[in-house]
Amino acid sequence: MSEQISKQKTDATGRLAVVGDRELAIGYRLIGIDDTFIVNDEEASKKIQELYSSGEFGLIIASDSVRSKIPSKFLSEIEGSIEPLILFLPSLKETAEEDKESIAALAKRVLGVNIETG
């Protein structure tokens, strides 16, 4: 019986799903990940719950913006989950904004110069 359980887990651990904004999903699609899902704010939580409950995936990657759309009770459940493991990654847009702010703050601190962003 334990062999069946192990086999089921092995089948799931090989599959990867990506859920999020267009940039994240297309990036993974370009490197050959077929299970990519572009979602808007209304669809995000439903799609994560569907993939999580399916038992088909060992890893689900989602953009950070999806995290804020998930109900807190379900979020605490998936954050404690190992299989499937759910990783939230910052989107390219969010990362670019953070980099701008970091550079501006560094310039102000080191050089004493204000850099206008935006």
PDB file of N, CA and C in Angstrom:
ATOM      1  N   MET A   1       0.819  -1.194   0.000  1.00  0.00           N
ATOM      2  CA  MET A   1       0.000   0.000   0.000  1.00  0.00           C
ATOM      3  C   MET A   1       0.864   1.259   0.000  1.00  0.00           C
ATOM      4  N   SER A   2       1.982   1.248   0.731  1.00  0.00           N
ATOM      5  CA  SER A   2       2.842   2.428   0.750  1.00  0.00           C
ATOM      6  C   SER A   2       3.458   2.685  -0.620  1.00  0.00           C
ATOM      7  N   GLU A   3       3.621   1.636  -1.436  1.00  0.00           N
ATOM      8  CA  GLU A   3       4.137   1.827  -2.781  1.00  0.00           C
ATOM      9  C   GLU A   3       3.167   2.635  -3.622  1.00  0.00           C
ATOM     10  N   GLN A   4       1.871   2.414  -3.445  1.00  0.00           N
ATOM     11  CA  GLN A   4       0.884   3.180  -4.196  1.00  0.00           C
ATOM     12  C   GLN A   4       0.930   4.646  -3.795  1.00  0.00           C
ATOM     13  N   ILE A   5       1.040   4.916  -2.518  1.00  0.00           N
ATOM     14  CA  ILE A   5       1.111   6.293  -2.046  1.00  0.00           C
ATOM     15  C   ILE A   5       2.360   6.954  -2.593  1.00  0.00           C
ATOM     16  N   SER A   6       3.490   6.278  -2.533  1.00  0.00           N
ATOM     17  CA  SER A   6       4.730   6.834  -3.052  1.00  0.00           C
ATOM     18  C   SER A   6       4.612   7.130  -4.539  1.00  0.00           C
ATOM     19  N   LYS A   7       4.011   6.222  -5.279  1.00  0.00           N
ATOM     20  CA  LYS A   7       3.856   6.420  -6.714  1.00  0.00           C
ATOM     21  C   LYS A   7       2.968   7.630  -7.003  1.00  0.00           C
ATOM     22  N   GLN A   8       1.892   7.770  -6.227  1.00  0.00           N
ATOM     23  CA  GLN A   8       1.012   8.915  -6.440  1.00  0.00           C
ATOM     24  C   GLN A   8       1.768  10.213  -6.185  1.00  0.00           C
ATOM     25  N   LYS A   9       2.547  10.264  -5.121  1.00  0.00           N
ATOM     26  CA  LYS A   9       3.306  11.474  -4.832  1.00  0.00           C
ATOM     27  C   LYS A   9       4.346  11.745  -5.911  1.00  0.00           C
ATOM     28  N   THR A  10       5.001  10.688  -6.389  1.00  0.00           N
ATOM     29  CA  THR A  10       6.004  10.854  -7.435  1.00  0.00           C
ATOM     30  C   THR A  10       5.363  11.424  -8.698  1.00  0.00           C
ATOM     31  N   ASP A  11       4.182  10.944  -9.044  1.00  0.00           N
ATOM     32  CA  ASP A  11       3.504  11.464 -10.225  1.00  0.00           C
ATOM     33  C   ASP A  11       3.234  12.958 -10.086  1.00  0.00           C
ATOM     34  N   ALA A  12       2.812  13.396  -8.918  1.00  0.00           N
ATOM     35  CA  ALA A  12       2.479  14.800  -8.708  1.00  0.00           C
ATOM     36  C   ALA A  12       3.722  15.674  -8.651  1.00  0.00           C
ATOM     37  N   THR A  13       4.807  15.175  -8.072  1.00  0.00           N
ATOM     38  CA  THR A  13       5.959  16.033  -7.854  1.00  0.00           C
ATOM     39  C   THR A  13       6.641  16.454  -9.141  1.00  0.00           C
ATOM     40  N   GLY A  14       6.422  15.757 -10.226  1.00  0.00           N
ATOM     41  CA  GLY A  14       7.060  16.127 -11.477  1.00  0.00           C
ATOM     42  C   GLY A  14       6.374  17.249 -12.216  1.00  0.00           C
ATOM     43  N   ARG A  15       5.186  17.623 -11.810  1.00  0.00           N
ATOM     44  CA  ARG A  15       4.428  18.642 -12.543  1.00  0.00           C
ATOM     45  C   ARG A  15       4.517  19.998 -11.877  1.00  0.00           C
ATOM     46  N   LEU A  16       4.637  20.995 -12.719  1.00  0.00           N
ATOM     47  CA  LEU A  16       4.764  22.375 -12.285  1.00  0.00           C
ATOM     48  C   LEU A  16       3.663  23.198 -12.937  1.00  0.00           C
ATOM     49  N   ALA A  17       3.014  24.035 -12.146  1.00  0.00           N
ATOM     50  CA  ALA A  17       2.008  24.960 -12.684  1.00  0.00           C
ATOM     51  C   ALA A  17       2.437  26.383 -12.330  1.00  0.00           C
ATOM     52  N   VAL A  18       2.109  27.308 -13.211  1.00  0.00           N
ATOM     53  CA  VAL A  18       2.426  28.716 -13.000  1.00  0.00           C
ATOM     54  C   VAL A  18       1.137  29.513 -13.156  1.00  0.00           C
ATOM     55  N   VAL A  19       0.864  30.366 -12.168  1.00  0.00           N
ATOM     56  CA  VAL A  19      -0.358  31.167 -12.155  1.00  0.00           C
ATOM     57  C   VAL A  19       0.015  32.611 -11.876  1.00  0.00           C
ATOM     58  N   GLY A  20      -0.466  33.510 -12.711  1.00  0.00           N
ATOM     59  CA  GLY A  20      -0.190  34.904 -12.416  1.00  0.00           C
ATOM     60  C   GLY A  20      -0.418  35.832 -13.579  1.00  0.00           C
ATOM     61  N   ASP A  21       0.303  36.942 -13.520  1.00  0.00           N
ATOM     62  CA  ASP A  21       0.151  37.949 -14.554  1.00  0.00           C
ATOM     63  C   ASP A  21       0.770  37.459 -15.868  1.00  0.00           C
ATOM     64  N   ARG A  22       0.506  38.182 -16.895  1.00  0.00           N
ATOM     65  CA  ARG A  22       0.901  37.797 -18.247  1.00  0.00           C
ATOM     66  C   ARG A  22       2.407  37.576 -18.358  1.00  0.00           C
ATOM     67  N   GLU A  23       3.198  38.489 -17.820  1.00  0.00           N
ATOM     68  CA  GLU A  23       4.653  38.407 -17.936  1.00  0.00           C
ATOM     69  C   GLU A  23       5.206  37.133 -17.301  1.00  0.00           C
ATOM     70  N   LEU A  24       4.727  36.811 -16.120  1.00  0.00           N
ATOM     71  CA  LEU A  24       5.202  35.609 -15.419  1.00  0.00           C
ATOM     72  C   LEU A  24       4.816  34.353 -16.195  1.00  0.00           C
ATOM     73  N   ALA A  25       3.559  34.255 -16.575  1.00  0.00           N
ATOM     74  CA  ALA A  25       3.074  33.053 -17.266  1.00  0.00           C
ATOM     75  C   ALA A  25       3.757  32.860 -18.614  1.00  0.00           C
ATOM     76  N   ILE A  26       3.893  33.921 -19.377  1.00  0.00           N
ATOM     77  CA  ILE A  26       4.519  33.803 -20.699  1.00  0.00           C
ATOM     78  C   ILE A  26       5.992  33.422 -20.566  1.00  0.00           C
ATOM     79  N   GLY A  27       6.673  33.958 -19.582  1.00  0.00           N
ATOM     80  CA  GLY A  27       8.077  33.603 -19.370  1.00  0.00           C
ATOM     81  C   GLY A  27       8.254  32.105 -19.156  1.00  0.00           C
ATOM     82  N   TYR A  28       7.420  31.528 -18.330  1.00  0.00           N
ATOM     83  CA  TYR A  28       7.505  30.087 -18.081  1.00  0.00           C
ATOM     84  C   TYR A  28       7.030  29.283 -19.290  1.00  0.00           C
ATOM     85  N   ARG A  29       6.061  29.795 -20.020  1.00  0.00           N
ATOM     86  CA  ARG A  29       5.596  29.108 -21.229  1.00  0.00           C
ATOM     87  C   ARG A  29       6.739  29.040 -22.248  1.00  0.00           C
ATOM     88  N   LEU A  30       7.508  30.113 -22.346  1.00  0.00           N
ATOM     89  CA  LEU A  30       8.614  30.146 -23.304  1.00  0.00           C
ATOM     90  C   LEU A  30       9.719  29.142 -22.980  1.00  0.00           C
ATOM     91  N   ILE A  31       9.872  28.787 -21.711  1.00  0.00           N
ATOM     92  CA  ILE A  31      10.900  27.793 -21.379  1.00  0.00           C
ATOM     93  C   ILE A  31      10.338  26.376 -21.353  1.00  0.00           C
ATOM     94  N   GLY A  32       9.095  26.214 -21.795  1.00  0.00           N
ATOM     95  CA  GLY A  32       8.556  24.879 -21.980  1.00  0.00           C
ATOM     96  C   GLY A  32       7.585  24.379 -20.929  1.00  0.00           C
ATOM     97  N   ILE A  33       7.156  25.218 -20.003  1.00  0.00           N
ATOM     98  CA  ILE A  33       6.167  24.808 -19.005  1.00  0.00           C
ATOM     99  C   ILE A  33       4.782  24.973 -19.625  1.00  0.00           C
ATOM    100  N   ASP A  34       4.075  23.852 -19.778  1.00  0.00           N
ATOM    101  CA  ASP A  34       2.770  23.887 -20.439  1.00  0.00           C
ATOM    102  C   ASP A  34       1.641  24.362 -19.530  1.00  0.00           C
ATOM    103  N   ASP A  35       1.716  24.037 -18.251  1.00  0.00           N
ATOM    104  CA  ASP A  35       0.629  24.376 -17.320  1.00  0.00           C
ATOM    105  C   ASP A  35       0.805  25.790 -16.775  1.00  0.00           C
ATOM    106  N   THR A  36       0.617  26.778 -17.652  1.00  0.00           N
ATOM    107  CA  THR A  36       0.705  28.174 -17.249  1.00  0.00           C
ATOM    108  C   THR A  36      -0.676  28.809 -17.397  1.00  0.00           C
ATOM    109  N   PHE A  37      -1.032  29.643 -16.431  1.00  0.00           N
ATOM    110  CA  PHE A  37      -2.369  30.226 -16.411  1.00  0.00           C
ATOM    111  C   PHE A  37      -2.272  31.723 -16.149  1.00  0.00           C
ATOM    112  N   ILE A  38      -2.726  32.510 -17.111  1.00  0.00           N
ATOM    113  CA  ILE A  38      -2.789  33.958 -16.936  1.00  0.00           C
ATOM    114  C   ILE A  38      -4.136  34.256 -16.296  1.00  0.00           C
ATOM    115  N   VAL A  39      -4.107  34.884 -15.123  1.00  0.00           N
ATOM    116  CA  VAL A  39      -5.344  35.156 -14.402  1.00  0.00           C
ATOM    117  C   VAL A  39      -5.460  36.635 -14.064  1.00  0.00           C
ATOM    118  N   ASN A  40      -6.707  37.094 -13.998  1.00  0.00           N
ATOM    119  CA  ASN A  40      -6.953  38.445 -13.509  1.00  0.00           C
ATOM    120  C   ASN A  40      -7.283  38.354 -12.019  1.00  0.00           C
ATOM    121  N   ASP A  41      -7.547  39.462 -11.397  1.00  0.00           N
ATOM    122  CA  ASP A  41      -7.789  39.490  -9.954  1.00  0.00           C
ATOM    123  C   ASP A  41      -8.950  38.594  -9.518  1.00  0.00           C
ATOM    124  N   GLU A  42     -10.003  38.543 -10.312  1.00  0.00           N
ATOM    125  CA  GLU A  42     -11.175  37.755  -9.936  1.00  0.00           C
ATOM    126  C   GLU A  42     -10.919  36.251 -10.038  1.00  0.00           C
ATOM    127  N   GLU A  43     -10.083  35.827 -10.976  1.00  0.00           N
ATOM    128  CA  GLU A  43      -9.835  34.407 -11.221  1.00  0.00           C
ATOM    129  C   GLU A  43      -8.709  33.824 -10.366  1.00  0.00           C
ATOM    130  N   ALA A  44      -7.867  34.666  -9.804  1.00  0.00           N
ATOM    131  CA  ALA A  44      -6.633  34.220  -9.156  1.00  0.00           C
ATOM    132  C   ALA A  44      -6.870  33.204  -8.045  1.00  0.00           C
ATOM    133  N   SER A  45      -7.692  33.527  -7.091  1.00  0.00           N
ATOM    134  CA  SER A  45      -7.929  32.644  -5.949  1.00  0.00           C
ATOM    135  C   SER A  45      -8.550  31.330  -6.385  1.00  0.00           C
ATOM    136  N   LYS A  46      -9.518  31.406  -7.271  1.00  0.00           N
ATOM    137  CA  LYS A  46     -10.206  30.202  -7.744  1.00  0.00           C
ATOM    138  C   LYS A  46      -9.225  29.253  -8.438  1.00  0.00           C
ATOM    139  N   LYS A  47      -8.341  29.788  -9.271  1.00  0.00           N
ATOM    140  CA  LYS A  47      -7.395  28.960 -10.009  1.00  0.00           C
ATOM    141  C   LYS A  47      -6.388  28.315  -9.057  1.00  0.00           C
ATOM    142  N   ILE A  48      -5.887  29.044  -8.071  1.00  0.00           N
ATOM    143  CA  ILE A  48      -4.952  28.471  -7.101  1.00  0.00           C
ATOM    144  C   ILE A  48      -5.633  27.344  -6.329  1.00  0.00           C
ATOM    145  N   GLN A  49      -6.855  27.572  -5.876  1.00  0.00           N
ATOM    146  CA  GLN A  49      -7.583  26.532  -5.141  1.00  0.00           C
ATOM    147  C   GLN A  49      -7.810  25.297  -6.003  1.00  0.00           C
ATOM    148  N   GLU A  50      -8.133  25.505  -7.264  1.00  0.00           N
ATOM    149  CA  GLU A  50      -8.364  24.393  -8.186  1.00  0.00           C
ATOM    150  C   GLU A  50      -7.088  23.567  -8.380  1.00  0.00           C
ATOM    151  N   LEU A  51      -5.966  24.223  -8.621  1.00  0.00           N
ATOM    152  CA  LEU A  51      -4.698  23.519  -8.838  1.00  0.00           C
ATOM    153  C   LEU A  51      -4.232  22.825  -7.565  1.00  0.00           C
ATOM    154  N   TYR A  52      -4.373  23.502  -6.439  1.00  0.00           N
ATOM    155  CA  TYR A  52      -3.953  22.961  -5.144  1.00  0.00           C
ATOM    156  C   TYR A  52      -4.735  21.689  -4.814  1.00  0.00           C
ATOM    157  N   SER A  53      -6.029  21.719  -5.045  1.00  0.00           N
ATOM    158  CA  SER A  53      -6.902  20.594  -4.706  1.00  0.00           C
ATOM    159  C   SER A  53      -6.820  19.435  -5.694  1.00  0.00           C
ATOM    160  N   SER A  54      -6.309  19.683  -6.884  1.00  0.00           N
ATOM    161  CA  SER A  54      -6.311  18.653  -7.937  1.00  0.00           C
ATOM    162  C   SER A  54      -5.398  17.475  -7.620  1.00  0.00           C
ATOM    163  N   GLY A  55      -4.342  17.691  -6.840  1.00  0.00           N
ATOM    164  CA  GLY A  55      -3.396  16.621  -6.542  1.00  0.00           C
ATOM    165  C   GLY A  55      -2.473  16.296  -7.707  1.00  0.00           C
ATOM    166  N   GLU A  56      -2.506  17.090  -8.760  1.00  0.00           N
ATOM    167  CA  GLU A  56      -1.714  16.824  -9.961  1.00  0.00           C
ATOM    168  C   GLU A  56      -0.358  17.517  -9.963  1.00  0.00           C
ATOM    169  N   PHE A  57      -0.131  18.465  -9.049  1.00  0.00           N
ATOM    170  CA  PHE A  57       1.073  19.280  -9.127  1.00  0.00           C
ATOM    171  C   PHE A  57       1.907  19.167  -7.855  1.00  0.00           C
ATOM    172  N   GLY A  58       3.215  19.140  -8.030  1.00  0.00           N
ATOM    173  CA  GLY A  58       4.125  19.123  -6.900  1.00  0.00           C
ATOM    174  C   GLY A  58       4.578  20.529  -6.537  1.00  0.00           C
ATOM    175  N   LEU A  59       4.544  21.440  -7.527  1.00  0.00           N
ATOM    176  CA  LEU A  59       4.976  22.816  -7.317  1.00  0.00           C
ATOM    177  C   LEU A  59       4.051  23.744  -8.086  1.00  0.00           C
ATOM    178  N   ILE A  60       3.589  24.773  -7.403  1.00  0.00           N
ATOM    179  CA  ILE A  60       2.769  25.799  -8.035  1.00  0.00           C
ATOM    180  C   ILE A  60       3.458  27.133  -7.785  1.00  0.00           C
ATOM    181  N   ILE A  61       3.809  27.819  -8.867  1.00  0.00           N
ATOM    182  CA  ILE A  61       4.429  29.137  -8.768  1.00  0.00           C
ATOM    183  C   ILE A  61       3.368  30.167  -9.102  1.00  0.00           C
ATOM    184  N   ALA A  62       3.241  31.171  -8.249  1.00  0.00           N
ATOM    185  CA  ALA A  62       2.248  32.222  -8.470  1.00  0.00           C
ATOM    186  C   ALA A  62       2.892  33.579  -8.251  1.00  0.00           C
ATOM    187  N   SER A  63       2.388  34.580  -8.940  1.00  0.00           N
ATOM    188  CA  SER A  63       2.910  35.924  -8.718  1.00  0.00           C
ATOM    189  C   SER A  63       2.406  36.451  -7.377  1.00  0.00           C
ATOM    190  N   ASP A  64       3.192  37.318  -6.777  1.00  0.00           N
ATOM    191  CA  ASP A  64       2.872  37.879  -5.466  1.00  0.00           C
ATOM    192  C   ASP A  64       1.504  38.558  -5.454  1.00  0.00           C
ATOM    193  N   SER A  65       1.113  39.133  -6.569  1.00  0.00           N
ATOM    194  CA  SER A  65      -0.187  39.813  -6.633  1.00  0.00           C
ATOM    195  C   SER A  65      -1.342  38.830  -6.404  1.00  0.00           C
ATOM    196  N   VAL A  66      -1.126  37.560  -6.724  1.00  0.00           N
ATOM    197  CA  VAL A  66      -2.155  36.537  -6.510  1.00  0.00           C
ATOM    198  C   VAL A  66      -2.367  36.303  -5.017  1.00  0.00           C
ATOM    199  N   ARG A  67      -1.307  36.391  -4.238  1.00  0.00           N
ATOM    200  CA  ARG A  67      -1.379  36.133  -2.791  1.00  0.00           C
ATOM    201  C   ARG A  67      -2.439  37.010  -2.116  1.00  0.00           C
ATOM    202  N   SER A  68      -2.516  38.261  -2.495  1.00  0.00           N
ATOM    203  CA  SER A  68      -3.463  39.177  -1.845  1.00  0.00           C
ATOM    204  C   SER A  68      -4.920  38.866  -2.194  1.00  0.00           C
ATOM    205  N   LYS A  69      -5.149  38.052  -3.206  1.00  0.00           N
ATOM    206  CA  LYS A  69      -6.516  37.706  -3.619  1.00  0.00           C
ATOM    207  C   LYS A  69      -7.020  36.428  -2.961  1.00  0.00           C
ATOM    208  N   ILE A  70      -6.149  35.727  -2.235  1.00  0.00           N
ATOM    209  CA  ILE A  70      -6.517  34.451  -1.621  1.00  0.00           C
ATOM    210  C   ILE A  70      -7.082  34.705  -0.214  1.00  0.00           C
ATOM    211  N   PRO A  71      -8.214  34.101   0.114  1.00  0.00           N
ATOM    212  CA  PRO A  71      -8.771  34.260   1.461  1.00  0.00           C
ATOM    213  C   PRO A  71      -7.759  33.820   2.529  1.00  0.00           C
ATOM    214  N   SER A  72      -7.715  34.520   3.653  1.00  0.00           N
ATOM    215  CA  SER A  72      -6.687  34.292   4.675  1.00  0.00           C
ATOM    216  C   SER A  72      -6.665  32.861   5.208  1.00  0.00           C
ATOM    217  N   LYS A  73      -7.822  32.242   5.364  1.00  0.00           N
ATOM    218  CA  LYS A  73      -7.862  30.870   5.876  1.00  0.00           C
ATOM    219  C   LYS A  73      -7.176  29.908   4.904  1.00  0.00           C
ATOM    220  N   PHE A  74      -7.484  30.038   3.616  1.00  0.00           N
ATOM    221  CA  PHE A  74      -6.864  29.178   2.611  1.00  0.00           C
ATOM    222  C   PHE A  74      -5.378  29.514   2.459  1.00  0.00           C
ATOM    223  N   LEU A  75      -5.028  30.790   2.563  1.00  0.00           N
ATOM    224  CA  LEU A  75      -3.632  31.203   2.458  1.00  0.00           C
ATOM    225  C   LEU A  75      -2.787  30.557   3.551  1.00  0.00           C
ATOM    226  N   SER A  76      -3.297  30.527   4.779  1.00  0.00           N
ATOM    227  CA  SER A  76      -2.530  29.900   5.860  1.00  0.00           C
ATOM    228  C   SER A  76      -2.375  28.397   5.625  1.00  0.00           C
ATOM    229  N   GLU A  77      -3.366  27.769   5.006  1.00  0.00           N
ATOM    230  CA  GLU A  77      -3.267  26.340   4.684  1.00  0.00           C
ATOM    231  C   GLU A  77      -2.187  26.086   3.639  1.00  0.00           C
ATOM    232  N   ILE A  78      -2.182  26.871   2.571  1.00  0.00           N
ATOM    233  CA  ILE A  78      -1.209  26.612   1.511  1.00  0.00           C
ATOM    234  C   ILE A  78       0.198  27.038   1.889  1.00  0.00           C
ATOM    235  N   GLU A  79       0.322  28.028   2.757  1.00  0.00           N
ATOM    236  CA  GLU A  79       1.658  28.426   3.196  1.00  0.00           C
ATOM    237  C   GLU A  79       2.313  27.349   4.056  1.00  0.00           C
ATOM    238  N   GLY A  80       1.512  26.501   4.682  1.00  0.00           N
ATOM    239  CA  GLY A  80       2.036  25.401   5.479  1.00  0.00           C
ATOM    240  C   GLY A  80       2.183  24.108   4.694  1.00  0.00           C
ATOM    241  N   SER A  81       1.790  24.128   3.442  1.00  0.00           N
ATOM    242  CA  SER A  81       1.810  22.925   2.617  1.00  0.00           C
ATOM    243  C   SER A  81       3.195  22.656   2.036  1.00  0.00           C
ATOM    244  N   ILE A  82       3.552  21.380   2.022  1.00  0.00           N
ATOM    245  CA  ILE A  82       4.796  20.971   1.382  1.00  0.00           C
ATOM    246  C   ILE A  82       4.499  20.351   0.023  1.00  0.00           C
ATOM    247  N   GLU A  83       3.396  19.636  -0.076  1.00  0.00           N
ATOM    248  CA  GLU A  83       3.014  19.051  -1.355  1.00  0.00           C
ATOM    249  C   GLU A  83       1.541  19.248  -1.603  1.00  0.00           C
ATOM    250  N   PRO A  84       1.173  20.088  -2.519  1.00  0.00           N
ATOM    251  CA  PRO A  84       2.098  20.811  -3.381  1.00  0.00           C
ATOM    252  C   PRO A  84       2.718  22.009  -2.655  1.00  0.00           C
ATOM    253  N   LEU A  85       3.915  22.338  -3.057  1.00  0.00           N
ATOM    254  CA  LEU A  85       4.598  23.514  -2.544  1.00  0.00           C
ATOM    255  C   LEU A  85       4.162  24.694  -3.399  1.00  0.00           C
ATOM    256  N   ILE A  86       3.778  25.787  -2.755  1.00  0.00           N
ATOM    257  CA  ILE A  86       3.359  26.975  -3.494  1.00  0.00           C
ATOM    258  C   ILE A  86       4.338  28.100  -3.205  1.00  0.00           C
ATOM    259  N   LEU A  87       4.939  28.619  -4.271  1.00  0.00           N
ATOM    260  CA  LEU A  87       5.894  29.719  -4.162  1.00  0.00           C
ATOM    261  C   LEU A  87       5.285  30.962  -4.770  1.00  0.00           C
ATOM    262  N   PHE A  88       5.410  32.075  -4.064  1.00  0.00           N
ATOM    263  CA  PHE A  88       4.934  33.357  -4.580  1.00  0.00           C
ATOM    264  C   PHE A  88       6.152  34.174  -4.983  1.00  0.00           C
ATOM    265  N   LEU A  89       6.190  34.601  -6.245  1.00  0.00           N
ATOM    266  CA  LEU A  89       7.303  35.375  -6.770  1.00  0.00           C
ATOM    267  C   LEU A  89       6.837  36.786  -7.109  1.00  0.00           C
ATOM    268  N   PRO A  90       7.697  37.762  -6.882  1.00  0.00           N
ATOM    269  CA  PRO A  90       7.322  39.126  -7.290  1.00  0.00           C
ATOM    270  C   PRO A  90       7.245  39.213  -8.806  1.00  0.00           C
ATOM    271  N   SER A  91       6.316  40.005  -9.293  1.00  0.00           N
ATOM    272  CA  SER A  91       6.209  40.182 -10.743  1.00  0.00           C
ATOM    273  C   SER A  91       7.319  41.115 -11.206  1.00  0.00           C
ATOM    274  N   LEU A  92       7.565  41.114 -12.498  1.00  0.00           N
ATOM    275  CA  LEU A  92       8.605  41.975 -13.056  1.00  0.00           C
ATOM    276  C   LEU A  92       8.294  43.446 -12.812  1.00  0.00           C
ATOM    277  N   LYS A  93       7.026  43.812 -12.872  1.00  0.00           N
ATOM    278  CA  LYS A  93       6.631  45.198 -12.636  1.00  0.00           C
ATOM    279  C   LYS A  93       6.963  45.621 -11.210  1.00  0.00           C
ATOM    280  N   GLU A  94       6.625  44.781 -10.232  1.00  0.00           N
ATOM    281  CA  GLU A  94       6.889  45.092  -8.827  1.00  0.00           C
ATOM    282  C   GLU A  94       8.381  45.191  -8.571  1.00  0.00           C
ATOM    283  N   THR A  95       9.173  44.291  -9.144  1.00  0.00           N
ATOM    284  CA  THR A  95      10.613  44.289  -8.948  1.00  0.00           C
ATOM    285  C   THR A  95      11.232  45.549  -9.516  1.00  0.00           C
ATOM    286  N   ALA A  96      10.781  45.985 -10.699  1.00  0.00           N
ATOM    287  CA  ALA A  96      11.320  47.193 -11.318  1.00  0.00           C
ATOM    288  C   ALA A  96      11.043  48.414 -10.443  1.00  0.00           C
ATOM    289  N   GLU A  97       9.847  48.510  -9.871  1.00  0.00           N
ATOM    290  CA  GLU A  97       9.517  49.624  -8.989  1.00  0.00           C
ATOM    291  C   GLU A  97      10.385  49.615  -7.734  1.00  0.00           C
ATOM    292  N   GLU A  98      10.583  48.428  -7.142  1.00  0.00           N
ATOM    293  CA  GLU A  98      11.414  48.332  -5.947  1.00  0.00           C
ATOM    294  C   GLU A  98      12.844  48.731  -6.252  1.00  0.00           C
ATOM    295  N   ASP A  99      13.365  48.340  -7.418  1.00  0.00           N
ATOM    296  CA  ASP A  99      14.726  48.705  -7.801  1.00  0.00           C
ATOM    297  C   ASP A  99      14.864  50.205  -7.948  1.00  0.00           C
ATOM    298  N   LYS A 100      13.885  50.865  -8.551  1.00  0.00           N
ATOM    299  CA  LYS A 100      13.925  52.316  -8.700  1.00  0.00           C
ATOM    300  C   LYS A 100      14.000  52.977  -7.331  1.00  0.00           C
ATOM    301  N   GLU A 101      13.153  52.530  -6.420  1.00  0.00           N
ATOM    302  CA  GLU A 101      13.130  53.109  -5.086  1.00  0.00           C
ATOM    303  C   GLU A 101      14.448  52.866  -4.364  1.00  0.00           C
ATOM    304  N   SER A 102      15.009  51.678  -4.508  1.00  0.00           N
ATOM    305  CA  SER A 102      16.262  51.358  -3.844  1.00  0.00           C
ATOM    306  C   SER A 102      17.400  52.225  -4.366  1.00  0.00           C
ATOM    307  N   ILE A 103      17.455  52.436  -5.672  1.00  0.00           N
ATOM    308  CA  ILE A 103      18.500  53.262  -6.265  1.00  0.00           C
ATOM    309  C   ILE A 103      18.347  54.700  -5.807  1.00  0.00           C
ATOM    310  N   ALA A 104      17.105  55.188  -5.782  1.00  0.00           N
ATOM    311  CA  ALA A 104      16.852  56.556  -5.332  1.00  0.00           C
ATOM    312  C   ALA A 104      17.252  56.734  -3.873  1.00  0.00           C
ATOM    313  N   ALA A 105      16.911  55.759  -3.032  1.00  0.00           N
ATOM    314  CA  ALA A 105      17.260  55.846  -1.612  1.00  0.00           C
ATOM    315  C   ALA A 105      18.775  55.780  -1.425  1.00  0.00           C
ATOM    316  N   LEU A 106      19.437  54.926  -2.185  1.00  0.00           N
ATOM    317  CA  LEU A 106      20.890  54.807  -2.094  1.00  0.00           C
ATOM    318  C   LEU A 106      21.570  56.108  -2.522  1.00  0.00           C
ATOM    319  N   ALA A 107      21.108  56.713  -3.611  1.00  0.00           N
ATOM    320  CA  ALA A 107      21.686  57.976  -4.086  1.00  0.00           C
ATOM    321  C   ALA A 107      21.520  59.074  -3.037  1.00  0.00           C
ATOM    322  N   LYS A 108      20.366  59.097  -2.408  1.00  0.00           N
ATOM    323  CA  LYS A 108      20.123  60.121  -1.380  1.00  0.00           C
ATOM    324  C   LYS A 108      21.038  59.904  -0.182  1.00  0.00           C
ATOM    325  N   ARG A 109      21.181  58.652   0.250  1.00  0.00           N
ATOM    326  CA  ARG A 109      21.990  58.353   1.423  1.00  0.00           C
ATOM    327  C   ARG A 109      23.475  58.551   1.160  1.00  0.00           C
ATOM    328  N   VAL A 110      23.962  58.048   0.034  1.00  0.00           N
ATOM    329  CA  VAL A 110      25.404  58.081  -0.244  1.00  0.00           C
ATOM    330  C   VAL A 110      25.849  59.417  -0.805  1.00  0.00           C
ATOM    331  N   LEU A 111      25.096  59.930  -1.779  1.00  0.00           N
ATOM    332  CA  LEU A 111      25.515  61.142  -2.472  1.00  0.00           C
ATOM    333  C   LEU A 111      24.818  62.403  -1.986  1.00  0.00           C
ATOM    334  N   GLY A 112      23.727  62.212  -1.248  1.00  0.00           N
ATOM    335  CA  GLY A 112      22.955  63.359  -0.804  1.00  0.00           C
ATOM    336  C   GLY A 112      22.166  64.006  -1.932  1.00  0.00           C
ATOM    337  N   VAL A 113      21.864  63.210  -2.975  1.00  0.00           N
ATOM    338  CA  VAL A 113      21.175  63.724  -4.155  1.00  0.00           C
ATOM    339  C   VAL A 113      19.821  63.058  -4.278  1.00  0.00           C
ATOM    340  N   ASN A 114      18.788  63.852  -4.540  1.00  0.00           N
ATOM    341  CA  ASN A 114      17.457  63.309  -4.788  1.00  0.00           C
ATOM    342  C   ASN A 114      17.326  62.963  -6.268  1.00  0.00           C
ATOM    343  N   ILE A 115      16.914  61.737  -6.529  1.00  0.00           N
ATOM    344  CA  ILE A 115      16.654  61.304  -7.902  1.00  0.00           C
ATOM    345  C   ILE A 115      15.148  61.199  -8.051  1.00  0.00           C
ATOM    346  N   GLU A 116      14.624  61.879  -9.053  1.00  0.00           N
ATOM    347  CA  GLU A 116      13.176  61.829  -9.326  1.00  0.00           C
ATOM    348  C   GLU A 116      12.862  60.512 -10.000  1.00  0.00           C
ATOM    349  N   THR A 117      11.872  59.771  -9.459  1.00  0.00           N
ATOM    350  CA  THR A 117      11.409  58.545 -10.095  1.00  0.00           C
ATOM    351  C   THR A 117       9.978  58.755 -10.521  1.00  0.00           C
ATOM    352  N   GLY A 118       9.629  58.145 -11.613  1.00  0.00           N
ATOM    353  CA  GLY A 118       8.248  58.226 -12.047  1.00  0.00           C
ATOM    354  C   GLY A 118       8.115  58.980 -13.249  1.00  0.00           C
TER     355      GLY A 118
END
